[in-house]
PDB file of all heavy atoms in Angstrom:
ATOM      1  N   ALA A   1       0.843  -1.191   0.000  1.00  0.00           N
ATOM      2  CA  ALA A   1       0.000   0.000   0.000  1.00  0.00           C
ATOM      3  C   ALA A   1       0.879   1.242   0.000  1.00  0.00           C
ATOM      4  O   ALA A   1       2.084   1.193   0.280  1.00  0.00           O
ATOM      5  CB  ALA A   1      -0.923   0.000   1.225  1.00  0.00           C
ATOM      6  N   THR A   2       0.232   2.363  -0.336  1.00  0.00           N
ATOM      7  CA  THR A   2       0.860   3.664  -0.164  1.00  0.00           C
ATOM      8  C   THR A   2       0.063   4.412   0.899  1.00  0.00           C
ATOM      9  O   THR A   2      -1.063   4.031   1.233  1.00  0.00           O
ATOM     10  CB  THR A   2       0.858   4.451  -1.479  1.00  0.00           C
ATOM     11  OG1 THR A   2      -0.499   4.594  -1.929  1.00  0.00           O
ATOM     12  CG2 THR A   2       1.675   3.733  -2.541  1.00  0.00           C
ATOM     13  N   LYS A   3       0.629   5.469   1.409  1.00  0.00           N
ATOM     14  CA  LYS A   3      -0.038   6.206   2.478  1.00  0.00           C
ATOM     15  C   LYS A   3      -0.731   7.423   1.898  1.00  0.00           C
ATOM     16  O   LYS A   3      -0.082   8.326   1.365  1.00  0.00           O
ATOM     17  CB  LYS A   3       0.972   6.609   3.551  1.00  0.00           C
ATOM     18  CG  LYS A   3       0.323   7.147   4.820  1.00  0.00           C
ATOM     19  CD  LYS A   3       1.360   7.319   5.920  1.00  0.00           C
ATOM     20  CE  LYS A   3       0.696   7.765   7.213  1.00  0.00           C
ATOM     21  NZ  LYS A   3       1.682   7.894   8.319  1.00  0.00           N
ATOM     22  N   GLY A   4      -2.060   7.434   1.975  1.00  0.00           N
ATOM     23  CA  GLY A   4      -2.837   8.563   1.498  1.00  0.00           C
ATOM     24  C   GLY A   4      -3.269   9.464   2.639  1.00  0.00           C
ATOM     25  O   GLY A   4      -2.937   9.236   3.809  1.00  0.00           O
ATOM     26  N   ARG A   5      -4.048  10.490   2.295  1.00  0.00           N
ATOM     27  CA  ARG A   5      -4.493  11.424   3.332  1.00  0.00           C
ATOM     28  C   ARG A   5      -5.411  10.763   4.353  1.00  0.00           C
ATOM     29  O   ARG A   5      -5.470  11.168   5.510  1.00  0.00           O
ATOM     30  CB  ARG A   5      -5.232  12.599   2.665  1.00  0.00           C
ATOM     31  CG  ARG A   5      -4.281  13.579   1.953  1.00  0.00           C
ATOM     32  CD  ARG A   5      -5.053  14.680   1.283  1.00  0.00           C
ATOM     33  NE  ARG A   5      -5.923  14.159   0.224  1.00  0.00           N
ATOM     34  CZ  ARG A   5      -6.739  14.917  -0.499  1.00  0.00           C
ATOM     35  NH1 ARG A   5      -6.814  16.220  -0.275  1.00  0.00           N
ATOM     36  NH2 ARG A   5      -7.482  14.384  -1.447  1.00  0.00           N
ATOM     37  N   ARG A   6      -6.108   9.726   3.914  1.00  0.00           N
ATOM     38  CA  ARG A   6      -7.047   9.063   4.815  1.00  0.00           C
ATOM     39  C   ARG A   6      -6.547   7.690   5.272  1.00  0.00           C
ATOM     40  O   ARG A   6      -7.329   6.895   5.796  1.00  0.00           O
ATOM     41  CB  ARG A   6      -8.402   8.922   4.123  1.00  0.00           C
ATOM     42  CG  ARG A   6      -9.047  10.254   3.790  1.00  0.00           C
ATOM     43  CD  ARG A   6     -10.425  10.049   3.186  1.00  0.00           C
ATOM     44  NE  ARG A   6     -11.052  11.319   2.870  1.00  0.00           N
ATOM     45  CZ  ARG A   6     -12.276  11.442   2.326  1.00  0.00           C
ATOM     46  NH1 ARG A   6     -12.979  10.344   2.044  1.00  0.00           N
ATOM     47  NH2 ARG A   6     -12.767  12.635   2.075  1.00  0.00           N
ATOM     48  N   GLY A   7      -5.277   7.413   5.046  1.00  0.00           N
ATOM     49  CA  GLY A   7      -4.730   6.127   5.478  1.00  0.00           C
ATOM     50  C   GLY A   7      -4.156   5.328   4.332  1.00  0.00           C
ATOM     51  O   GLY A   7      -3.700   5.878   3.325  1.00  0.00           O
ATOM     52  N   ALA A   8      -4.178   3.998   4.472  1.00  0.00           N
ATOM     53  CA  ALA A   8      -3.553   3.128   3.484  1.00  0.00           C
ATOM     54  C   ALA A   8      -4.390   3.055   2.208  1.00  0.00           C
ATOM     55  O   ALA A   8      -5.618   2.957   2.250  1.00  0.00           O
ATOM     56  CB  ALA A   8      -3.377   1.728   4.063  1.00  0.00           C
ATOM     57  N   VAL A   9      -3.669   3.078   1.052  1.00  0.00           N
ATOM     58  CA  VAL A   9      -4.294   2.927  -0.265  1.00  0.00           C
ATOM     59  C   VAL A   9      -3.626   1.751  -0.961  1.00  0.00           C
ATOM     60  O   VAL A   9      -2.394   1.713  -1.073  1.00  0.00           O
ATOM     61  CB  VAL A   9      -4.126   4.203  -1.112  1.00  0.00           C
ATOM     62  CG1 VAL A   9      -4.731   3.994  -2.499  1.00  0.00           C
ATOM     63  CG2 VAL A   9      -4.749   5.401  -0.424  1.00  0.00           C
ATOM     64  N   ASP A  10      -4.425   0.808  -1.412  1.00  0.00           N
ATOM     65  CA  ASP A  10      -3.854  -0.378  -2.052  1.00  0.00           C
ATOM     66  C   ASP A  10      -2.958   0.008  -3.227  1.00  0.00           C
ATOM     67  O   ASP A  10      -3.345   0.810  -4.082  1.00  0.00           O
ATOM     68  CB  ASP A  10      -4.960  -1.303  -2.554  1.00  0.00           C
ATOM     69  CG  ASP A  10      -5.708  -1.993  -1.433  1.00  0.00           C
ATOM     70  OD1 ASP A  10      -5.308  -1.818  -0.268  1.00  0.00           O
ATOM     71  OD2 ASP A  10      -6.694  -2.702  -1.724  1.00  0.00           O
ATOM     72  N   ARG A  11      -1.756  -0.565  -3.271  1.00  0.00           N
ATOM     73  CA  ARG A  11      -0.845  -0.284  -4.379  1.00  0.00           C
ATOM     74  C   ARG A  11      -1.351  -0.912  -5.677  1.00  0.00           C
ATOM     75  O   ARG A  11      -1.236  -0.318  -6.751  1.00  0.00           O
ATOM     76  CB  ARG A  11       0.561  -0.818  -4.057  1.00  0.00           C
ATOM     77  CG  ARG A  11       1.569  -0.631  -5.202  1.00  0.00           C
ATOM     78  CD  ARG A  11       2.959  -1.095  -4.782  1.00  0.00           C
ATOM     79  NE  ARG A  11       3.494  -0.253  -3.735  1.00  0.00           N
ATOM     80  CZ  ARG A  11       4.105   0.911  -3.948  1.00  0.00           C
ATOM     81  NH1 ARG A  11       4.250   1.382  -5.173  1.00  0.00           N
ATOM     82  NH2 ARG A  11       4.563   1.610  -2.927  1.00  0.00           N
ATOM     83  N   PHE A  12      -1.860  -2.129  -5.609  1.00  0.00           N
ATOM     84  CA  PHE A  12      -2.311  -2.847  -6.807  1.00  0.00           C
ATOM     85  C   PHE A  12      -3.837  -2.796  -6.869  1.00  0.00           C
ATOM     86  O   PHE A  12      -4.528  -3.259  -5.946  1.00  0.00           O
ATOM     87  CB  PHE A  12      -1.836  -4.305  -6.773  1.00  0.00           C
ATOM     88  CG  PHE A  12      -0.339  -4.437  -6.734  1.00  0.00           C
ATOM     89  CD1 PHE A  12       0.315  -4.671  -5.519  1.00  0.00           C
ATOM     90  CD2 PHE A  12       0.427  -4.333  -7.888  1.00  0.00           C
ATOM     91  CE1 PHE A  12       1.698  -4.802  -5.472  1.00  0.00           C
ATOM     92  CE2 PHE A  12       1.799  -4.452  -7.846  1.00  0.00           C
ATOM     93  CZ  PHE A  12       2.440  -4.686  -6.643  1.00  0.00           C
ATOM     94  N   ARG A  13      -4.359  -2.263  -7.974  1.00  0.00           N
ATOM     95  CA  ARG A  13      -5.807  -2.190  -8.164  1.00  0.00           C
ATOM     96  C   ARG A  13      -6.111  -2.489  -9.629  1.00  0.00           C
ATOM     97  O   ARG A  13      -5.457  -1.979 -10.538  1.00  0.00           O
ATOM     98  CB  ARG A  13      -6.339  -0.804  -7.781  1.00  0.00           C
ATOM     99  CG  ARG A  13      -5.980  -0.405  -6.356  1.00  0.00           C
ATOM    100  CD  ARG A  13      -6.631   0.900  -5.930  1.00  0.00           C
ATOM    101  NE  ARG A  13      -6.468   1.996  -6.870  1.00  0.00           N
ATOM    102  CZ  ARG A  13      -5.352   2.709  -7.020  1.00  0.00           C
ATOM    103  NH1 ARG A  13      -4.287   2.393  -6.291  1.00  0.00           N
ATOM    104  NH2 ARG A  13      -5.297   3.696  -7.869  1.00  0.00           N
ATOM    105  N   ALA A  14      -7.142  -3.303  -9.844  1.00  0.00           N
ATOM    106  CA  ALA A  14      -7.592  -3.684 -11.187  1.00  0.00           C
ATOM    107  C   ALA A  14      -6.441  -4.277 -11.995  1.00  0.00           C
ATOM    108  O   ALA A  14      -6.212  -3.915 -13.151  1.00  0.00           O
ATOM    109  CB  ALA A  14      -8.196  -2.478 -11.909  1.00  0.00           C
ATOM    110  N   ARG A  15      -5.726  -5.206 -11.388  1.00  0.00           N
ATOM    111  CA  ARG A  15      -4.579  -5.816 -12.061  1.00  0.00           C
ATOM    112  C   ARG A  15      -4.524  -7.325 -11.785  1.00  0.00           C
ATOM    113  O   ARG A  15      -4.870  -7.781 -10.700  1.00  0.00           O
ATOM    114  CB  ARG A  15      -3.259  -5.180 -11.614  1.00  0.00           C
ATOM    115  CG  ARG A  15      -3.069  -3.751 -12.121  1.00  0.00           C
ATOM    116  CD  ARG A  15      -1.772  -3.144 -11.663  1.00  0.00           C
ATOM    117  NE  ARG A  15      -1.635  -1.769 -12.149  1.00  0.00           N
ATOM    118  CZ  ARG A  15      -1.100  -1.424 -13.319  1.00  0.00           C
ATOM    119  NH1 ARG A  15      -0.614  -2.369 -14.112  1.00  0.00           N
ATOM    120  NH2 ARG A  15      -1.030  -0.159 -13.688  1.00  0.00           N
ATOM    121  N   LEU A  16      -4.064  -8.053 -12.816  1.00  0.00           N
ATOM    122  CA  LEU A  16      -3.722  -9.464 -12.646  1.00  0.00           C
ATOM    123  C   LEU A  16      -2.430  -9.514 -11.854  1.00  0.00           C
ATOM    124  O   LEU A  16      -1.457  -8.831 -12.196  1.00  0.00           O
ATOM    125  CB  LEU A  16      -3.551 -10.129 -14.012  1.00  0.00           C
ATOM    126  CG  LEU A  16      -3.167 -11.614 -14.022  1.00  0.00           C
ATOM    127  CD1 LEU A  16      -4.280 -12.459 -13.412  1.00  0.00           C
ATOM    128  CD2 LEU A  16      -2.864 -12.067 -15.448  1.00  0.00           C
ATOM    129  N   LEU A  17      -2.392 -10.317 -10.794  1.00  0.00           N
ATOM    130  CA  LEU A  17      -1.242 -10.321  -9.878  1.00  0.00           C
ATOM    131  C   LEU A  17      -0.372 -11.555 -10.066  1.00  0.00           C
ATOM    132  O   LEU A  17      -0.868 -12.679 -10.140  1.00  0.00           O
ATOM    133  CB  LEU A  17      -1.716 -10.270  -8.427  1.00  0.00           C
ATOM    134  CG  LEU A  17      -1.810  -8.889  -7.763  1.00  0.00           C
ATOM    135  CD1 LEU A  17      -0.436  -8.292  -7.583  1.00  0.00           C
ATOM    136  CD2 LEU A  17      -2.664  -7.944  -8.623  1.00  0.00           C
ATOM    137  N   PHE A  18       0.938 -11.294 -10.115  1.00  0.00           N
ATOM    138  CA  PHE A  18       1.949 -12.352 -10.216  1.00  0.00           C
ATOM    139  C   PHE A  18       2.791 -12.311  -8.942  1.00  0.00           C
ATOM    140  O   PHE A  18       3.608 -11.404  -8.763  1.00  0.00           O
ATOM    141  CB  PHE A  18       2.857 -12.126 -11.425  1.00  0.00           C
ATOM    142  CG  PHE A  18       2.136 -12.034 -12.732  1.00  0.00           C
ATOM    143  CD1 PHE A  18       1.597 -10.820 -13.164  1.00  0.00           C
ATOM    144  CD2 PHE A  18       1.986 -13.149 -13.548  1.00  0.00           C
ATOM    145  CE1 PHE A  18       0.931 -10.718 -14.377  1.00  0.00           C
ATOM    146  CE2 PHE A  18       1.319 -13.065 -14.760  1.00  0.00           C
ATOM    147  CZ  PHE A  18       0.782 -11.843 -15.180  1.00  0.00           C
ATOM    148  N   PRO A  19       2.615 -13.248  -8.027  1.00  0.00           N
ATOM    149  CA  PRO A  19       3.454 -13.250  -6.825  1.00  0.00           C
ATOM    150  C   PRO A  19       4.901 -13.571  -7.172  1.00  0.00           C
ATOM    151  O   PRO A  19       5.175 -14.443  -7.996  1.00  0.00           O
ATOM    152  CB  PRO A  19       2.833 -14.338  -5.949  1.00  0.00           C
ATOM    153  CG  PRO A  19       2.101 -15.231  -6.890  1.00  0.00           C
ATOM    154  CD  PRO A  19       1.637 -14.348  -8.020  1.00  0.00           C
ATOM    155  N   ILE A  20       5.804 -12.856  -6.564  1.00  0.00           N
ATOM    156  CA  ILE A  20       7.238 -13.046  -6.786  1.00  0.00           C
ATOM    157  C   ILE A  20       7.808 -13.687  -5.525  1.00  0.00           C
ATOM    158  O   ILE A  20       7.666 -13.140  -4.423  1.00  0.00           O
ATOM    159  CB  ILE A  20       7.935 -11.701  -7.072  1.00  0.00           C
ATOM    160  CG1 ILE A  20       7.342 -11.067  -8.328  1.00  0.00           C
ATOM    161  CG2 ILE A  20       9.443 -11.888  -7.215  1.00  0.00           C
ATOM    162  CD1 ILE A  20       7.742  -9.615  -8.530  1.00  0.00           C
ATOM    163  N   ARG A  21       8.429 -14.830  -5.687  1.00  0.00           N
ATOM    164  CA  ARG A  21       8.939 -15.577  -4.543  1.00  0.00           C
ATOM    165  C   ARG A  21      10.456 -15.445  -4.417  1.00  0.00           C
ATOM    166  O   ARG A  21      11.135 -15.064  -5.364  1.00  0.00           O
ATOM    167  CB  ARG A  21       8.545 -17.056  -4.644  1.00  0.00           C
ATOM    168  CG  ARG A  21       7.039 -17.270  -4.497  1.00  0.00           C
ATOM    169  CD  ARG A  21       6.669 -18.742  -4.519  1.00  0.00           C
ATOM    170  NE  ARG A  21       5.263 -18.928  -4.207  1.00  0.00           N
ATOM    171  CZ  ARG A  21       4.773 -19.076  -2.981  1.00  0.00           C
ATOM    172  NH1 ARG A  21       5.614 -19.095  -1.951  1.00  0.00           N
ATOM    173  NH2 ARG A  21       3.486 -19.224  -2.776  1.00  0.00           N
ATOM    174  N   ASP A  22      10.960 -15.810  -3.242  1.00  0.00           N
ATOM    175  CA  ASP A  22      12.410 -15.811  -3.046  1.00  0.00           C
ATOM    176  C   ASP A  22      13.024 -16.974  -3.822  1.00  0.00           C
ATOM    177  O   ASP A  22      12.318 -17.762  -4.455  1.00  0.00           O
ATOM    178  CB  ASP A  22      12.764 -15.880  -1.556  1.00  0.00           C
ATOM    179  CG  ASP A  22      12.241 -17.138  -0.874  1.00  0.00           C
ATOM    180  OD1 ASP A  22      11.780 -18.060  -1.576  1.00  0.00           O
ATOM    181  OD2 ASP A  22      12.286 -17.201   0.367  1.00  0.00           O
ATOM    182  N   GLN A  23      14.333 -17.084  -3.776  1.00  0.00           N
ATOM    183  CA  GLN A  23      15.030 -18.100  -4.574  1.00  0.00           C
ATOM    184  C   GLN A  23      14.541 -19.503  -4.284  1.00  0.00           C
ATOM    185  O   GLN A  23      14.486 -20.349  -5.180  1.00  0.00           O
ATOM    186  CB  GLN A  23      16.541 -18.025  -4.301  1.00  0.00           C
ATOM    187  CG  GLN A  23      17.215 -16.788  -4.847  1.00  0.00           C
ATOM    188  CD  GLN A  23      18.699 -16.840  -4.628  1.00  0.00           C
ATOM    189  OE1 GLN A  23      19.322 -17.875  -4.800  1.00  0.00           O
ATOM    190  NE2 GLN A  23      19.292 -15.731  -4.235  1.00  0.00           N
ATOM    191  N   ARG A  24      14.190 -19.754  -3.045  1.00  0.00           N
ATOM    192  CA  ARG A  24      13.755 -21.096  -2.670  1.00  0.00           C
ATOM    193  C   ARG A  24      12.318 -21.359  -3.065  1.00  0.00           C
ATOM    194  O   ARG A  24      11.872 -22.503  -3.090  1.00  0.00           O
ATOM    195  CB  ARG A  24      13.880 -21.294  -1.151  1.00  0.00           C
ATOM    196  CG  ARG A  24      15.291 -21.257  -0.612  1.00  0.00           C
ATOM    197  CD  ARG A  24      15.329 -21.972   0.718  1.00  0.00           C
ATOM    198  NE  ARG A  24      14.788 -23.317   0.587  1.00  0.00           N
ATOM    199  CZ  ARG A  24      15.459 -24.350   0.085  1.00  0.00           C
ATOM    200  NH1 ARG A  24      16.691 -24.186  -0.319  1.00  0.00           N
ATOM    201  NH2 ARG A  24      14.897 -25.540  -0.023  1.00  0.00           N
ATOM    202  N   GLY A  25      11.550 -20.296  -3.311  1.00  0.00           N
ATOM    203  CA  GLY A  25      10.135 -20.467  -3.545  1.00  0.00           C
ATOM    204  C   GLY A  25       9.354 -20.590  -2.255  1.00  0.00           C
ATOM    205  O   GLY A  25       8.157 -20.876  -2.258  1.00  0.00           O
ATOM    206  N   GLN A  26      10.023 -20.366  -1.133  1.00  0.00           N
ATOM    207  CA  GLN A  26       9.393 -20.561   0.171  1.00  0.00           C
ATOM    208  C   GLN A  26       8.465 -19.412   0.529  1.00  0.00           C
ATOM    209  O   GLN A  26       7.366 -19.621   1.031  1.00  0.00           O
ATOM    210  CB  GLN A  26      10.472 -20.703   1.252  1.00  0.00           C
ATOM    211  CG  GLN A  26       9.935 -21.007   2.633  1.00  0.00           C
ATOM    212  CD  GLN A  26       9.307 -22.390   2.714  1.00  0.00           C
ATOM    213  OE1 GLN A  26       9.716 -23.293   1.996  1.00  0.00           O
ATOM    214  NE2 GLN A  26       8.308 -22.533   3.574  1.00  0.00           N
ATOM    215  N   ASP A  27       8.900 -18.186   0.281  1.00  0.00           N
ATOM    216  CA  ASP A  27       8.147 -17.015   0.717  1.00  0.00           C
ATOM    217  C   ASP A  27       7.799 -16.122  -0.462  1.00  0.00           C
ATOM    218  O   ASP A  27       8.636 -15.886  -1.353  1.00  0.00           O
ATOM    219  CB  ASP A  27       8.961 -16.196   1.725  1.00  0.00           C
ATOM    220  CG  ASP A  27       9.233 -16.968   3.000  1.00  0.00           C
ATOM    221  OD1 ASP A  27       8.280 -17.505   3.576  1.00  0.00           O
ATOM    222  OD2 ASP A  27      10.415 -17.036   3.411  1.00  0.00           O
ATOM    223  N   VAL A  28       6.579 -15.576  -0.457  1.00  0.00           N
ATOM    224  CA  VAL A  28       6.216 -14.519  -1.397  1.00  0.00           C
ATOM    225  C   VAL A  28       6.810 -13.223  -0.855  1.00  0.00           C
ATOM    226  O   VAL A  28       6.538 -12.841   0.295  1.00  0.00           O
ATOM    227  CB  VAL A  28       4.684 -14.389  -1.538  1.00  0.00           C
ATOM    228  CG1 VAL A  28       4.334 -13.166  -2.388  1.00  0.00           C
ATOM    229  CG2 VAL A  28       4.104 -15.648  -2.166  1.00  0.00           C
ATOM    230  N   VAL A  29       7.635 -12.555  -1.653  1.00  0.00           N
ATOM    231  CA  VAL A  29       8.322 -11.353  -1.176  1.00  0.00           C
ATOM    232  C   VAL A  29       7.817 -10.093  -1.858  1.00  0.00           C
ATOM    233  O   VAL A  29       8.074  -8.979  -1.380  1.00  0.00           O
ATOM    234  CB  VAL A  29       9.850 -11.482  -1.368  1.00  0.00           C
ATOM    235  CG1 VAL A  29      10.404 -12.595  -0.496  1.00  0.00           C
ATOM    236  CG2 VAL A  29      10.212 -11.724  -2.832  1.00  0.00           C
ATOM    237  N   ALA A  30       7.122 -10.244  -3.003  1.00  0.00           N
ATOM    238  CA  ALA A  30       6.674  -9.069  -3.753  1.00  0.00           C
ATOM    239  C   ALA A  30       5.618  -9.504  -4.765  1.00  0.00           C
ATOM    240  O   ALA A  30       5.285 -10.687  -4.877  1.00  0.00           O
ATOM    241  CB  ALA A  30       7.852  -8.402  -4.454  1.00  0.00           C
ATOM    242  N   PHE A  31       5.123  -8.518  -5.532  1.00  0.00           N
ATOM    243  CA  PHE A  31       4.126  -8.802  -6.565  1.00  0.00           C
ATOM    244  C   PHE A  31       4.410  -7.956  -7.797  1.00  0.00           C
ATOM    245  O   PHE A  31       4.967  -6.858  -7.708  1.00  0.00           O
ATOM    246  CB  PHE A  31       2.712  -8.477  -6.070  1.00  0.00           C
ATOM    247  CG  PHE A  31       2.252  -9.311  -4.920  1.00  0.00           C
ATOM    248  CD1 PHE A  31       2.471  -8.891  -3.616  1.00  0.00           C
ATOM    249  CD2 PHE A  31       1.619 -10.523  -5.131  1.00  0.00           C
ATOM    250  CE1 PHE A  31       2.066  -9.660  -2.540  1.00  0.00           C
ATOM    251  CE2 PHE A  31       1.203 -11.309  -4.064  1.00  0.00           C
ATOM    252  CZ  PHE A  31       1.432 -10.874  -2.763  1.00  0.00           C
ATOM    253  N   GLY A  32       4.008  -8.508  -8.947  1.00  0.00           N
ATOM    254  CA  GLY A  32       3.934  -7.733 -10.167  1.00  0.00           C
ATOM    255  C   GLY A  32       2.480  -7.700 -10.599  1.00  0.00           C
ATOM    256  O   GLY A  32       1.761  -8.690 -10.429  1.00  0.00           O
ATOM    257  N   GLY A  33       2.031  -6.561 -11.125  1.00  0.00           N
ATOM    258  CA  GLY A  33       0.630  -6.450 -11.503  1.00  0.00           C
ATOM    259  C   GLY A  33       0.461  -5.961 -12.929  1.00  0.00           C
ATOM    260  O   GLY A  33       1.128  -5.013 -13.347  1.00  0.00           O
ATOM    261  N   ARG A  34      -0.448  -6.611 -13.705  1.00  0.00           N
ATOM    262  CA  ARG A  34      -0.687  -6.249 -15.103  1.00  0.00           C
ATOM    263  C   ARG A  34      -2.130  -5.809 -15.290  1.00  0.00           C
ATOM    264  O   ARG A  34      -3.058  -6.464 -14.820  1.00  0.00           O
ATOM    265  CB  ARG A  34      -0.417  -7.457 -16.010  1.00  0.00           C
ATOM    266  CG  ARG A  34      -0.463  -7.136 -17.497  1.00  0.00           C
ATOM    267  CD  ARG A  34      -0.612  -8.370 -18.354  1.00  0.00           C
ATOM    268  NE  ARG A  34      -0.312  -8.141 -19.751  1.00  0.00           N
ATOM    269  CZ  ARG A  34      -1.102  -7.506 -20.617  1.00  0.00           C
ATOM    270  NH1 ARG A  34      -2.288  -7.061 -20.205  1.00  0.00           N
ATOM    271  NH2 ARG A  34      -0.736  -7.334 -21.868  1.00  0.00           N
ATOM    272  N   ILE A  35      -2.318  -4.695 -16.013  1.00  0.00           N
ATOM    273  CA  ILE A  35      -3.680  -4.291 -16.343  1.00  0.00           C
ATOM    274  C   ILE A  35      -4.208  -5.217 -17.431  1.00  0.00           C
ATOM    275  O   ILE A  35      -3.450  -5.819 -18.188  1.00  0.00           O
ATOM    276  CB  ILE A  35      -3.737  -2.830 -16.828  1.00  0.00           C
ATOM    277  CG1 ILE A  35      -2.855  -2.622 -18.069  1.00  0.00           C
ATOM    278  CG2 ILE A  35      -3.347  -1.873 -15.719  1.00  0.00           C
ATOM    279  CD1 ILE A  35      -3.018  -1.272 -18.720  1.00  0.00           C
TER     280      ILE A  35
END
């Protein structure tokens, strides 16, 4: 999320999400999003 005037705002909206994992595949560490 980002911080807006009224609090947290979702970073990813209206996007297909691709979780990005660490080298082991154990943990999701980030996301990529496509419109």
